[in-house]
Amino acid sequence: MKIELLGATGCAKCKELYERVIKVVEETQSTAVVTKVEDIMKIMDYGVMTTPAVVIDGTVVMQGGIPKETEIKAWLAESGKTDLKAFTEQLHNDLASKSDVKTASKCCYCNP
């Protein structure tokens, strides 16, 4: 998971956001990578007009405020579910591509 925190250099709210996100990431032992984005051109690339803002994996999830710790934890948990789902799907696809069609298991409902 990639978390980008958008905000201006010297902004007190942007600093508070960064500290809060780092605290929650450390407390939850998340593997999320947190970076600050202070370049106005990069911030505008996201269409963000009000900072501070939070971008998770390329999607703006909040702007113009500071999320509560519970919100940050929810984002981290949701991302973990998505990652696990993607991992499981990839594992299933890898196994399916390696299996021998003749010896593959059959569903008792679809393929009696």
PDB file of N, CA and C in Angstrom:
ATOM      1  N   MET A   1       0.846  -1.173   0.000  1.00  0.00           N
ATOM      2  CA  MET A   1       0.000   0.000   0.000  1.00  0.00           C
ATOM      3  C   MET A   1       0.889   1.232   0.000  1.00  0.00           C
ATOM      4  N   LYS A   2       0.526   2.192  -0.835  1.00  0.00           N
ATOM      5  CA  LYS A   2       1.270   3.448  -0.913  1.00  0.00           C
ATOM      6  C   LYS A   2       0.355   4.583  -0.466  1.00  0.00           C
ATOM      7  N   ILE A   3       0.767   5.287   0.581  1.00  0.00           N
ATOM      8  CA  ILE A   3       0.002   6.419   1.088  1.00  0.00           C
ATOM      9  C   ILE A   3       0.798   7.679   0.806  1.00  0.00           C
ATOM     10  N   GLU A   4       0.172   8.611   0.086  1.00  0.00           N
ATOM     11  CA  GLU A   4       0.797   9.891  -0.185  1.00  0.00           C
ATOM     12  C   GLU A   4       0.019  10.962   0.566  1.00  0.00           C
ATOM     13  N   LEU A   5       0.746  11.781   1.294  1.00  0.00           N
ATOM     14  CA  LEU A   5       0.136  12.861   2.057  1.00  0.00           C
ATOM     15  C   LEU A   5       0.474  14.166   1.354  1.00  0.00           C
ATOM     16  N   LEU A   6      -0.550  14.817   0.832  1.00  0.00           N
ATOM     17  CA  LEU A   6      -0.364  16.026   0.050  1.00  0.00           C
ATOM     18  C   LEU A   6      -0.524  17.244   0.933  1.00  0.00           C
ATOM     19  N   GLY A   7       0.456  18.144   0.859  1.00  0.00           N
ATOM     20  CA  GLY A   7       0.357  19.354   1.650  1.00  0.00           C
ATOM     21  C   GLY A   7       1.533  20.282   1.446  1.00  0.00           C
ATOM     22  N   ALA A   8       1.356  21.488   1.912  1.00  0.00           N
ATOM     23  CA  ALA A   8       2.371  22.528   1.755  1.00  0.00           C
ATOM     24  C   ALA A   8       3.427  22.446   2.846  1.00  0.00           C
ATOM     25  N   THR A   9       4.637  22.809   2.488  1.00  0.00           N
ATOM     26  CA  THR A   9       5.727  22.887   3.451  1.00  0.00           C
ATOM     27  C   THR A   9       5.386  23.954   4.493  1.00  0.00           C
ATOM     28  N   GLY A  10       5.538  23.628   5.749  1.00  0.00           N
ATOM     29  CA  GLY A  10       5.289  24.586   6.812  1.00  0.00           C
ATOM     30  C   GLY A  10       3.849  24.647   7.294  1.00  0.00           C
ATOM     31  N   CYS A  11       2.965  23.916   6.666  1.00  0.00           N
ATOM     32  CA  CYS A  11       1.546  23.914   7.059  1.00  0.00           C
ATOM     33  C   CYS A  11       1.374  23.060   8.324  1.00  0.00           C
ATOM     34  N   ALA A  12       0.793  23.648   9.365  1.00  0.00           N
ATOM     35  CA  ALA A  12       0.621  22.948  10.640  1.00  0.00           C
ATOM     36  C   ALA A  12      -0.315  21.743  10.499  1.00  0.00           C
ATOM     37  N   LYS A  13      -1.404  21.893   9.731  1.00  0.00           N
ATOM     38  CA  LYS A  13      -2.347  20.780   9.545  1.00  0.00           C
ATOM     39  C   LYS A  13      -1.696  19.639   8.764  1.00  0.00           C
ATOM     40  N   CYS A  14      -0.880  19.985   7.764  1.00  0.00           N
ATOM     41  CA  CYS A  14      -0.202  18.964   6.964  1.00  0.00           C
ATOM     42  C   CYS A  14       0.784  18.185   7.829  1.00  0.00           C
ATOM     43  N   LYS A  15       1.466  18.882   8.726  1.00  0.00           N
ATOM     44  CA  LYS A  15       2.396  18.240   9.645  1.00  0.00           C
ATOM     45  C   LYS A  15       1.648  17.311  10.595  1.00  0.00           C
ATOM     46  N   GLU A  16       0.519  17.778  11.108  1.00  0.00           N
ATOM     47  CA  GLU A  16      -0.296  16.955  12.014  1.00  0.00           C
ATOM     48  C   GLU A  16      -0.793  15.698  11.306  1.00  0.00           C
ATOM     49  N   LEU A  17      -1.218  15.846  10.054  1.00  0.00           N
ATOM     50  CA  LEU A  17      -1.676  14.690   9.274  1.00  0.00           C
ATOM     51  C   LEU A  17      -0.553  13.667   9.143  1.00  0.00           C
ATOM     52  N   TYR A  18       0.622  14.131   8.757  1.00  0.00           N
ATOM     53  CA  TYR A  18       1.761  13.234   8.573  1.00  0.00           C
ATOM     54  C   TYR A  18       2.066  12.487   9.874  1.00  0.00           C
ATOM     55  N   GLU A  19       2.128  13.203  10.979  1.00  0.00           N
ATOM     56  CA  GLU A  19       2.439  12.578  12.264  1.00  0.00           C
ATOM     57  C   GLU A  19       1.375  11.563  12.667  1.00  0.00           C
ATOM     58  N   ARG A  20       0.105  11.883  12.410  1.00  0.00           N
ATOM     59  CA  ARG A  20      -0.977  10.975  12.774  1.00  0.00           C
ATOM     60  C   ARG A  20      -0.935   9.696  11.936  1.00  0.00           C
ATOM     61  N   VAL A  21      -0.719   9.844  10.647  1.00  0.00           N
ATOM     62  CA  VAL A  21      -0.670   8.665   9.766  1.00  0.00           C
ATOM     63  C   VAL A  21       0.516   7.779  10.128  1.00  0.00           C
ATOM     64  N   ILE A  22       1.681   8.390  10.329  1.00  0.00           N
ATOM     65  CA  ILE A  22       2.870   7.620  10.723  1.00  0.00           C
ATOM     66  C   ILE A  22       2.615   6.866  12.017  1.00  0.00           C
ATOM     67  N   LYS A  23       1.998   7.521  12.988  1.00  0.00           N
ATOM     68  CA  LYS A  23       1.702   6.890  14.283  1.00  0.00           C
ATOM     69  C   LYS A  23       0.821   5.658  14.088  1.00  0.00           C
ATOM     70  N   VAL A  24      -0.238   5.793  13.304  1.00  0.00           N
ATOM     71  CA  VAL A  24      -1.165   4.675  13.100  1.00  0.00           C
ATOM     72  C   VAL A  24      -0.490   3.548  12.316  1.00  0.00           C
ATOM     73  N   VAL A  25       0.274   3.890  11.308  1.00  0.00           N
ATOM     74  CA  VAL A  25       0.978   2.867  10.522  1.00  0.00           C
ATOM     75  C   VAL A  25       1.921   2.071  11.428  1.00  0.00           C
ATOM     76  N   GLU A  26       2.642   2.758  12.290  1.00  0.00           N
ATOM     77  CA  GLU A  26       3.557   2.075  13.216  1.00  0.00           C
ATOM     78  C   GLU A  26       2.799   1.238  14.234  1.00  0.00           C
ATOM     79  N   GLU A  27       1.728   1.786  14.804  1.00  0.00           N
ATOM     80  CA  GLU A  27       0.943   1.054  15.803  1.00  0.00           C
ATOM     81  C   GLU A  27       0.338  -0.221  15.238  1.00  0.00           C
ATOM     82  N   THR A  28      -0.116  -0.163  14.002  1.00  0.00           N
ATOM     83  CA  THR A  28      -0.766  -1.322  13.381  1.00  0.00           C
ATOM     84  C   THR A  28       0.237  -2.247  12.703  1.00  0.00           C
ATOM     85  N   GLN A  29       1.498  -1.863  12.720  1.00  0.00           N
ATOM     86  CA  GLN A  29       2.565  -2.630  12.074  1.00  0.00           C
ATOM     87  C   GLN A  29       2.257  -2.867  10.597  1.00  0.00           C
ATOM     88  N   SER A  30       1.689  -1.866   9.979  1.00  0.00           N
ATOM     89  CA  SER A  30       1.351  -1.937   8.564  1.00  0.00           C
ATOM     90  C   SER A  30       2.621  -1.850   7.725  1.00  0.00           C
ATOM     91  N   THR A  31       2.560  -2.437   6.558  1.00  0.00           N
ATOM     92  CA  THR A  31       3.681  -2.358   5.621  1.00  0.00           C
ATOM     93  C   THR A  31       3.502  -1.197   4.648  1.00  0.00           C
ATOM     94  N   ALA A  32       2.547  -0.337   4.912  1.00  0.00           N
ATOM     95  CA  ALA A  32       2.284   0.807   4.039  1.00  0.00           C
ATOM     96  C   ALA A  32       3.507   1.713   3.953  1.00  0.00           C
ATOM     97  N   VAL A  33       3.721   2.237   2.761  1.00  0.00           N
ATOM     98  CA  VAL A  33       4.803   3.187   2.533  1.00  0.00           C
ATOM     99  C   VAL A  33       4.176   4.577   2.504  1.00  0.00           C
ATOM    100  N   VAL A  34       4.619   5.440   3.411  1.00  0.00           N
ATOM    101  CA  VAL A  34       4.053   6.780   3.541  1.00  0.00           C
ATOM    102  C   VAL A  34       5.055   7.802   3.011  1.00  0.00           C
ATOM    103  N   THR A  35       4.581   8.668   2.112  1.00  0.00           N
ATOM    104  CA  THR A  35       5.441   9.729   1.594  1.00  0.00           C
ATOM    105  C   THR A  35       4.694  11.053   1.618  1.00  0.00           C
ATOM    106  N   LYS A  36       5.471  12.114   1.777  1.00  0.00           N
ATOM    107  CA  LYS A  36       4.930  13.475   1.700  1.00  0.00           C
ATOM    108  C   LYS A  36       5.046  13.959   0.265  1.00  0.00           C
ATOM    109  N   VAL A  37       4.027  14.643  -0.199  1.00  0.00           N
ATOM    110  CA  VAL A  37       4.085  15.288  -1.506  1.00  0.00           C
ATOM    111  C   VAL A  37       3.820  16.770  -1.263  1.00  0.00           C
ATOM    112  N   GLU A  38       4.854  17.589  -1.478  1.00  0.00           N
ATOM    113  CA  GLU A  38       4.748  19.024  -1.225  1.00  0.00           C
ATOM    114  C   GLU A  38       4.825  19.842  -2.508  1.00  0.00           C
ATOM    115  N   ASP A  39       5.124  19.180  -3.613  1.00  0.00           N
ATOM    116  CA  ASP A  39       5.223  19.855  -4.915  1.00  0.00           C
ATOM    117  C   ASP A  39       3.811  20.186  -5.420  1.00  0.00           C
ATOM    118  N   ILE A  40       3.530  21.468  -5.581  1.00  0.00           N
ATOM    119  CA  ILE A  40       2.188  21.916  -5.964  1.00  0.00           C
ATOM    120  C   ILE A  40       1.734  21.320  -7.299  1.00  0.00           C
ATOM    121  N   MET A  41       2.661  21.117  -8.220  1.00  0.00           N
ATOM    122  CA  MET A  41       2.294  20.541  -9.520  1.00  0.00           C
ATOM    123  C   MET A  41       1.845  19.090  -9.367  1.00  0.00           C
ATOM    124  N   LYS A  42       2.521  18.331  -8.502  1.00  0.00           N
ATOM    125  CA  LYS A  42       2.125  16.942  -8.252  1.00  0.00           C
ATOM    126  C   LYS A  42       0.780  16.885  -7.528  1.00  0.00           C
ATOM    127  N   ILE A  43       0.587  17.813  -6.607  1.00  0.00           N
ATOM    128  CA  ILE A  43      -0.687  17.876  -5.886  1.00  0.00           C
ATOM    129  C   ILE A  43      -1.816  18.163  -6.870  1.00  0.00           C
ATOM    130  N   MET A  44      -1.582  19.091  -7.781  1.00  0.00           N
ATOM    131  CA  MET A  44      -2.607  19.435  -8.766  1.00  0.00           C
ATOM    132  C   MET A  44      -2.870  18.293  -9.750  1.00  0.00           C
ATOM    133  N   ASP A  45      -1.875  17.444  -9.982  1.00  0.00           N
ATOM    134  CA  ASP A  45      -2.073  16.276 -10.848  1.00  0.00           C
ATOM    135  C   ASP A  45      -3.178  15.365 -10.315  1.00  0.00           C
ATOM    136  N   TYR A  46      -3.368  15.362  -8.998  1.00  0.00           N
ATOM    137  CA  TYR A  46      -4.428  14.559  -8.391  1.00  0.00           C
ATOM    138  C   TYR A  46      -5.775  15.280  -8.411  1.00  0.00           C
ATOM    139  N   GLY A  47      -5.798  16.534  -8.839  1.00  0.00           N
ATOM    140  CA  GLY A  47      -7.032  17.304  -8.843  1.00  0.00           C
ATOM    141  C   GLY A  47      -7.398  17.838  -7.472  1.00  0.00           C
ATOM    142  N   VAL A  48      -6.457  17.818  -6.553  1.00  0.00           N
ATOM    143  CA  VAL A  48      -6.696  18.288  -5.191  1.00  0.00           C
ATOM    144  C   VAL A  48      -6.549  19.800  -5.150  1.00  0.00           C
ATOM    145  N   MET A  49      -7.559  20.460  -4.623  1.00  0.00           N
ATOM    146  CA  MET A  49      -7.533  21.912  -4.516  1.00  0.00           C
ATOM    147  C   MET A  49      -7.383  22.380  -3.074  1.00  0.00           C
ATOM    148  N   THR A  50      -7.622  21.466  -2.113  1.00  0.00           N
ATOM    149  CA  THR A  50      -7.542  21.818  -0.698  1.00  0.00           C
ATOM    150  C   THR A  50      -6.678  20.795   0.022  1.00  0.00           C
ATOM    151  N   THR A  51      -5.636  21.274   0.670  1.00  0.00           N
ATOM    152  CA  THR A  51      -4.784  20.385   1.448  1.00  0.00           C
ATOM    153  C   THR A  51      -5.027  20.623   2.929  1.00  0.00           C
ATOM    154  N   PRO A  52      -4.679  19.682   3.779  1.00  0.00           N
ATOM    155  CA  PRO A  52      -4.001  18.437   3.477  1.00  0.00           C
ATOM    156  C   PRO A  52      -4.939  17.434   2.797  1.00  0.00           C
ATOM    157  N   ALA A  53      -4.314  16.488   2.107  1.00  0.00           N
ATOM    158  CA  ALA A  53      -5.085  15.455   1.426  1.00  0.00           C
ATOM    159  C   ALA A  53      -4.357  14.119   1.558  1.00  0.00           C
ATOM    160  N   VAL A  54      -5.130  13.055   1.442  1.00  0.00           N
ATOM    161  CA  VAL A  54      -4.581  11.703   1.541  1.00  0.00           C
ATOM    162  C   VAL A  54      -4.885  10.963   0.247  1.00  0.00           C
ATOM    163  N   VAL A  55      -3.849  10.359  -0.322  1.00  0.00           N
ATOM    164  CA  VAL A  55      -3.991   9.551  -1.531  1.00  0.00           C
ATOM    165  C   VAL A  55      -3.512   8.144  -1.196  1.00  0.00           C
ATOM    166  N   ILE A  56      -4.359   7.165  -1.460  1.00  0.00           N
ATOM    167  CA  ILE A  56      -3.980   5.777  -1.203  1.00  0.00           C
ATOM    168  C   ILE A  56      -3.996   5.029  -2.523  1.00  0.00           C
ATOM    169  N   ASP A  57      -2.859   4.487  -2.857  1.00  0.00           N
ATOM    170  CA  ASP A  57      -2.686   3.746  -4.109  1.00  0.00           C
ATOM    171  C   ASP A  57      -3.248   4.495  -5.305  1.00  0.00           C
ATOM    172  N   GLY A  58      -2.967   5.806  -5.355  1.00  0.00           N
ATOM    173  CA  GLY A  58      -3.349   6.621  -6.493  1.00  0.00           C
ATOM    174  C   GLY A  58      -4.743   7.215  -6.448  1.00  0.00           C
ATOM    175  N   THR A  59      -5.514   6.924  -5.406  1.00  0.00           N
ATOM    176  CA  THR A  59      -6.878   7.430  -5.279  1.00  0.00           C
ATOM    177  C   THR A  59      -6.977   8.406  -4.108  1.00  0.00           C
ATOM    178  N   VAL A  60      -7.508   9.590  -4.367  1.00  0.00           N
ATOM    179  CA  VAL A  60      -7.710  10.573  -3.300  1.00  0.00           C
ATOM    180  C   VAL A  60      -8.836  10.076  -2.404  1.00  0.00           C
ATOM    181  N   VAL A  61      -8.540   9.879  -1.122  1.00  0.00           N
ATOM    182  CA  VAL A  61      -9.558   9.393  -0.187  1.00  0.00           C
ATOM    183  C   VAL A  61     -10.050  10.474   0.762  1.00  0.00           C
ATOM    184  N   MET A  62      -9.287  11.576   0.865  1.00  0.00           N
ATOM    185  CA  MET A  62      -9.717  12.670   1.732  1.00  0.00           C
ATOM    186  C   MET A  62      -8.920  13.917   1.386  1.00  0.00           C
ATOM    187  N   GLN A  63      -9.611  15.061   1.434  1.00  0.00           N
ATOM    188  CA  GLN A  63      -8.902  16.321   1.246  1.00  0.00           C
ATOM    189  C   GLN A  63      -9.543  17.404   2.084  1.00  0.00           C
ATOM    190  N   GLY A  64      -8.698  18.357   2.492  1.00  0.00           N
ATOM    191  CA  GLY A  64      -9.176  19.492   3.260  1.00  0.00           C
ATOM    192  C   GLY A  64      -9.383  19.234   4.729  1.00  0.00           C
ATOM    193  N   GLY A  65      -8.852  18.136   5.245  1.00  0.00           N
ATOM    194  CA  GLY A  65      -9.029  17.840   6.659  1.00  0.00           C
ATOM    195  C   GLY A  65      -8.037  16.807   7.139  1.00  0.00           C
ATOM    196  N   ILE A  66      -8.152  16.483   8.412  1.00  0.00           N
ATOM    197  CA  ILE A  66      -7.272  15.491   9.020  1.00  0.00           C
ATOM    198  C   ILE A  66      -8.147  14.340   9.509  1.00  0.00           C
ATOM    199  N   PRO A  67      -7.940  13.142   8.971  1.00  0.00           N
ATOM    200  CA  PRO A  67      -8.774  12.008   9.383  1.00  0.00           C
ATOM    201  C   PRO A  67      -8.474  11.591  10.824  1.00  0.00           C
ATOM    202  N   LYS A  68      -9.481  11.010  11.443  1.00  0.00           N
ATOM    203  CA  LYS A  68      -9.305  10.455  12.786  1.00  0.00           C
ATOM    204  C   LYS A  68      -8.481   9.175  12.666  1.00  0.00           C
ATOM    205  N   GLU A  69      -7.882   8.775  13.761  1.00  0.00           N
ATOM    206  CA  GLU A  69      -7.086   7.549  13.760  1.00  0.00           C
ATOM    207  C   GLU A  69      -7.924   6.347  13.341  1.00  0.00           C
ATOM    208  N   THR A  70      -9.189   6.319  13.736  1.00  0.00           N
ATOM    209  CA  THR A  70     -10.053   5.191  13.367  1.00  0.00           C
ATOM    210  C   THR A  70     -10.256   5.117  11.853  1.00  0.00           C
ATOM    211  N   GLU A  71     -10.335   6.268  11.193  1.00  0.00           N
ATOM    212  CA  GLU A  71     -10.469   6.285   9.733  1.00  0.00           C
ATOM    213  C   GLU A  71      -9.212   5.742   9.066  1.00  0.00           C
ATOM    214  N   ILE A  72      -8.070   6.145   9.568  1.00  0.00           N
ATOM    215  CA  ILE A  72      -6.804   5.676   9.003  1.00  0.00           C
ATOM    216  C   ILE A  72      -6.684   4.170   9.180  1.00  0.00           C
ATOM    217  N   LYS A  73      -7.048   3.683  10.353  1.00  0.00           N
ATOM    218  CA  LYS A  73      -7.008   2.239  10.609  1.00  0.00           C
ATOM    219  C   LYS A  73      -7.949   1.496   9.667  1.00  0.00           C
ATOM    220  N   ALA A  74      -9.113   2.069   9.403  1.00  0.00           N
ATOM    221  CA  ALA A  74     -10.062   1.441   8.477  1.00  0.00           C
ATOM    222  C   ALA A  74      -9.478   1.367   7.066  1.00  0.00           C
ATOM    223  N   TRP A  75      -8.809   2.442   6.634  1.00  0.00           N
ATOM    224  CA  TRP A  75      -8.178   2.428   5.305  1.00  0.00           C
ATOM    225  C   TRP A  75      -7.122   1.337   5.232  1.00  0.00           C
ATOM    226  N   LEU A  76      -6.316   1.222   6.277  1.00  0.00           N
ATOM    227  CA  LEU A  76      -5.260   0.210   6.301  1.00  0.00           C
ATOM    228  C   LEU A  76      -5.856  -1.192   6.291  1.00  0.00           C
ATOM    229  N   ALA A  77      -6.919  -1.393   7.051  1.00  0.00           N
ATOM    230  CA  ALA A  77      -7.569  -2.704   7.100  1.00  0.00           C
ATOM    231  C   ALA A  77      -8.203  -3.056   5.762  1.00  0.00           C
ATOM    232  N   GLU A  78      -8.849  -2.093   5.143  1.00  0.00           N
ATOM    233  CA  GLU A  78      -9.499  -2.328   3.850  1.00  0.00           C
ATOM    234  C   GLU A  78      -8.473  -2.685   2.793  1.00  0.00           C
ATOM    235  N   SER A  79      -7.351  -2.000   2.822  1.00  0.00           N
ATOM    236  CA  SER A  79      -6.295  -2.285   1.862  1.00  0.00           C
ATOM    237  C   SER A  79      -5.752  -3.691   2.073  1.00  0.00           C
ATOM    238  N   GLY A  80      -5.621  -4.099   3.316  1.00  0.00           N
ATOM    239  CA  GLY A  80      -5.142  -5.441   3.605  1.00  0.00           C
ATOM    240  C   GLY A  80      -6.067  -6.501   3.052  1.00  0.00           C
ATOM    241  N   LYS A  81      -7.368  -6.260   3.121  1.00  0.00           N
ATOM    242  CA  LYS A  81      -8.330  -7.209   2.565  1.00  0.00           C
ATOM    243  C   LYS A  81      -8.187  -7.288   1.054  1.00  0.00           C
ATOM    244  N   THR A  82      -8.041  -6.139   0.423  1.00  0.00           N
ATOM    245  CA  THR A  82      -7.882  -6.110  -1.023  1.00  0.00           C
ATOM    246  C   THR A  82      -6.614  -6.836  -1.433  1.00  0.00           C
ATOM    247  N   ASP A  83      -5.526  -6.590  -0.727  1.00  0.00           N
ATOM    248  CA  ASP A  83      -4.268  -7.245  -1.051  1.00  0.00           C
ATOM    249  C   ASP A  83      -4.382  -8.753  -0.882  1.00  0.00           C
ATOM    250  N   LEU A  84      -5.045  -9.206   0.183  1.00  0.00           N
ATOM    251  CA  LEU A  84      -5.212 -10.627   0.417  1.00  0.00           C
ATOM    252  C   LEU A  84      -6.062 -11.242  -0.686  1.00  0.00           C
ATOM    253  N   LYS A  85      -7.110 -10.557  -1.089  1.00  0.00           N
ATOM    254  CA  LYS A  85      -7.972 -11.056  -2.160  1.00  0.00           C
ATOM    255  C   LYS A  85      -7.174 -11.176  -3.457  1.00  0.00           C
ATOM    256  N   ALA A  86      -6.415 -10.147  -3.782  1.00  0.00           N
ATOM    257  CA  ALA A  86      -5.606 -10.176  -5.008  1.00  0.00           C
ATOM    258  C   ALA A  86      -4.577 -11.299  -4.945  1.00  0.00           C
ATOM    259  N   PHE A  87      -3.955 -11.479  -3.775  1.00  0.00           N
ATOM    260  CA  PHE A  87      -2.974 -12.548  -3.603  1.00  0.00           C
ATOM    261  C   PHE A  87      -3.628 -13.908  -3.812  1.00  0.00           C
ATOM    262  N   THR A  88      -4.796 -14.112  -3.221  1.00  0.00           N
ATOM    263  CA  THR A  88      -5.502 -15.381  -3.345  1.00  0.00           C
ATOM    264  C   THR A  88      -5.889 -15.654  -4.789  1.00  0.00           C
ATOM    265  N   GLU A  89      -6.393 -14.632  -5.478  1.00  0.00           N
ATOM    266  CA  GLU A  89      -6.757 -14.803  -6.886  1.00  0.00           C
ATOM    267  C   GLU A  89      -5.544 -15.153  -7.733  1.00  0.00           C
ATOM    268  N   GLN A  90      -4.419 -14.473  -7.474  1.00  0.00           N
ATOM    269  CA  GLN A  90      -3.201 -14.760  -8.230  1.00  0.00           C
ATOM    270  C   GLN A  90      -2.727 -16.180  -7.963  1.00  0.00           C
ATOM    271  N   LEU A  91      -2.762 -16.604  -6.702  1.00  0.00           N
ATOM    272  CA  LEU A  91      -2.355 -17.954  -6.348  1.00  0.00           C
ATOM    273  C   LEU A  91      -3.240 -18.975  -7.053  1.00  0.00           C
ATOM    274  N   HIS A  92      -4.532 -18.749  -7.049  1.00  0.00           N
ATOM    275  CA  HIS A  92      -5.475 -19.645  -7.714  1.00  0.00           C
ATOM    276  C   HIS A  92      -5.177 -19.711  -9.209  1.00  0.00           C
ATOM    277  N   ASN A  93      -4.958 -18.553  -9.833  1.00  0.00           N
ATOM    278  CA  ASN A  93      -4.653 -18.525 -11.266  1.00  0.00           C
ATOM    279  C   ASN A  93      -3.345 -19.247 -11.573  1.00  0.00           C
ATOM    280  N   ASP A  94      -2.346 -19.068 -10.716  1.00  0.00           N
ATOM    281  CA  ASP A  94      -1.067 -19.748 -10.919  1.00  0.00           C
ATOM    282  C   ASP A  94      -1.234 -21.263 -10.829  1.00  0.00           C
ATOM    283  N   LEU A  95      -1.991 -21.706  -9.837  1.00  0.00           N
ATOM    284  CA  LEU A  95      -2.215 -23.142  -9.681  1.00  0.00           C
ATOM    285  C   LEU A  95      -3.018 -23.703 -10.848  1.00  0.00           C
ATOM    286  N   ALA A  96      -4.019 -22.966 -11.278  1.00  0.00           N
ATOM    287  CA  ALA A  96      -4.854 -23.431 -12.385  1.00  0.00           C
ATOM    288  C   ALA A  96      -4.045 -23.547 -13.674  1.00  0.00           C
ATOM    289  N   SER A  97      -3.153 -22.612 -13.894  1.00  0.00           N
ATOM    290  CA  SER A  97      -2.365 -22.648 -15.131  1.00  0.00           C
ATOM    291  C   SER A  97      -1.340 -23.782 -15.116  1.00  0.00           C
ATOM    292  N   LYS A  98      -0.968 -24.263 -13.939  1.00  0.00           N
ATOM    293  CA  LYS A  98       0.017 -25.343 -13.841  1.00  0.00           C
ATOM    294  C   LYS A  98      -0.625 -26.724 -13.779  1.00  0.00           C
ATOM    295  N   SER A  99      -1.923 -26.780 -13.559  1.00  0.00           N
ATOM    296  CA  SER A  99      -2.574 -28.073 -13.363  1.00  0.00           C
ATOM    297  C   SER A  99      -2.751 -28.801 -14.693  1.00  0.00           C
ATOM    298  N   ASP A 100      -2.797 -30.118 -14.607  1.00  0.00           N
ATOM    299  CA  ASP A 100      -3.045 -30.962 -15.770  1.00  0.00           C
ATOM    300  C   ASP A 100      -4.553 -31.096 -15.918  1.00  0.00           C
ATOM    301  N   VAL A 101      -5.073 -30.777 -17.071  1.00  0.00           N
ATOM    302  CA  VAL A 101      -6.515 -30.791 -17.297  1.00  0.00           C
ATOM    303  C   VAL A 101      -7.099 -32.159 -17.012  1.00  0.00           C
ATOM    304  N   LYS A 102      -6.392 -33.226 -17.343  1.00  0.00           N
ATOM    305  CA  LYS A 102      -6.900 -34.590 -17.155  1.00  0.00           C
ATOM    306  C   LYS A 102      -7.036 -34.952 -15.680  1.00  0.00           C
ATOM    307  N   THR A 103      -6.179 -34.385 -14.845  1.00  0.00           N
ATOM    308  CA  THR A 103      -6.224 -34.747 -13.421  1.00  0.00           C
ATOM    309  C   THR A 103      -6.817 -33.652 -12.561  1.00  0.00           C
ATOM    310  N   ALA A 104      -7.291 -32.602 -13.176  1.00  0.00           N
ATOM    311  CA  ALA A 104      -7.867 -31.489 -12.401  1.00  0.00           C
ATOM    312  C   ALA A 104      -9.125 -31.956 -11.683  1.00  0.00           C
ATOM    313  N   SER A 105      -9.350 -31.442 -10.493  1.00  0.00           N
ATOM    314  CA  SER A 105     -10.563 -31.807  -9.761  1.00  0.00           C
ATOM    315  C   SER A 105     -11.772 -31.207 -10.448  1.00  0.00           C
ATOM    316  N   LYS A 106     -12.882 -31.889 -10.292  1.00  0.00           N
ATOM    317  CA  LYS A 106     -14.109 -31.426 -10.916  1.00  0.00           C
ATOM    318  C   LYS A 106     -15.109 -31.036  -9.841  1.00  0.00           C
ATOM    319  N   CYS A 107     -15.873 -30.051 -10.137  1.00  0.00           N
ATOM    320  CA  CYS A 107     -16.927 -29.641  -9.231  1.00  0.00           C
ATOM    321  C   CYS A 107     -18.052 -30.662  -9.312  1.00  0.00           C
ATOM    322  N   CYS A 108     -18.522 -31.109  -8.169  1.00  0.00           N
ATOM    323  CA  CYS A 108     -19.554 -32.143  -8.180  1.00  0.00           C
ATOM    324  C   CYS A 108     -20.889 -31.604  -8.704  1.00  0.00           C
ATOM    325  N   TYR A 109     -21.085 -30.300  -8.686  1.00  0.00           N
ATOM    326  CA  TYR A 109     -22.320 -29.719  -9.163  1.00  0.00           C
ATOM    327  C   TYR A 109     -22.290 -29.459 -10.675  1.00  0.00           C
ATOM    328  N   CYS A 110     -21.116 -29.031 -11.165  1.00  0.00           N
ATOM    329  CA  CYS A 110     -21.004 -28.634 -12.566  1.00  0.00           C
ATOM    330  C   CYS A 110     -20.550 -29.763 -13.476  1.00  0.00           C
ATOM    331  N   ASN A 111     -19.675 -30.611 -12.965  1.00  0.00           N
ATOM    332  CA  ASN A 111     -19.065 -31.663 -13.779  1.00  0.00           C
ATOM    333  C   ASN A 111     -19.173 -33.006 -13.102  1.00  0.00           C
ATOM    334  N   PRO A 112     -20.324 -33.626 -13.148  1.00  0.00           N
ATOM    335  CA  PRO A 112     -20.499 -34.919 -12.443  1.00  0.00           C
ATOM    336  C   PRO A 112     -19.635 -36.015 -13.030  1.00  0.00           C
TER     337      PRO A 112
END
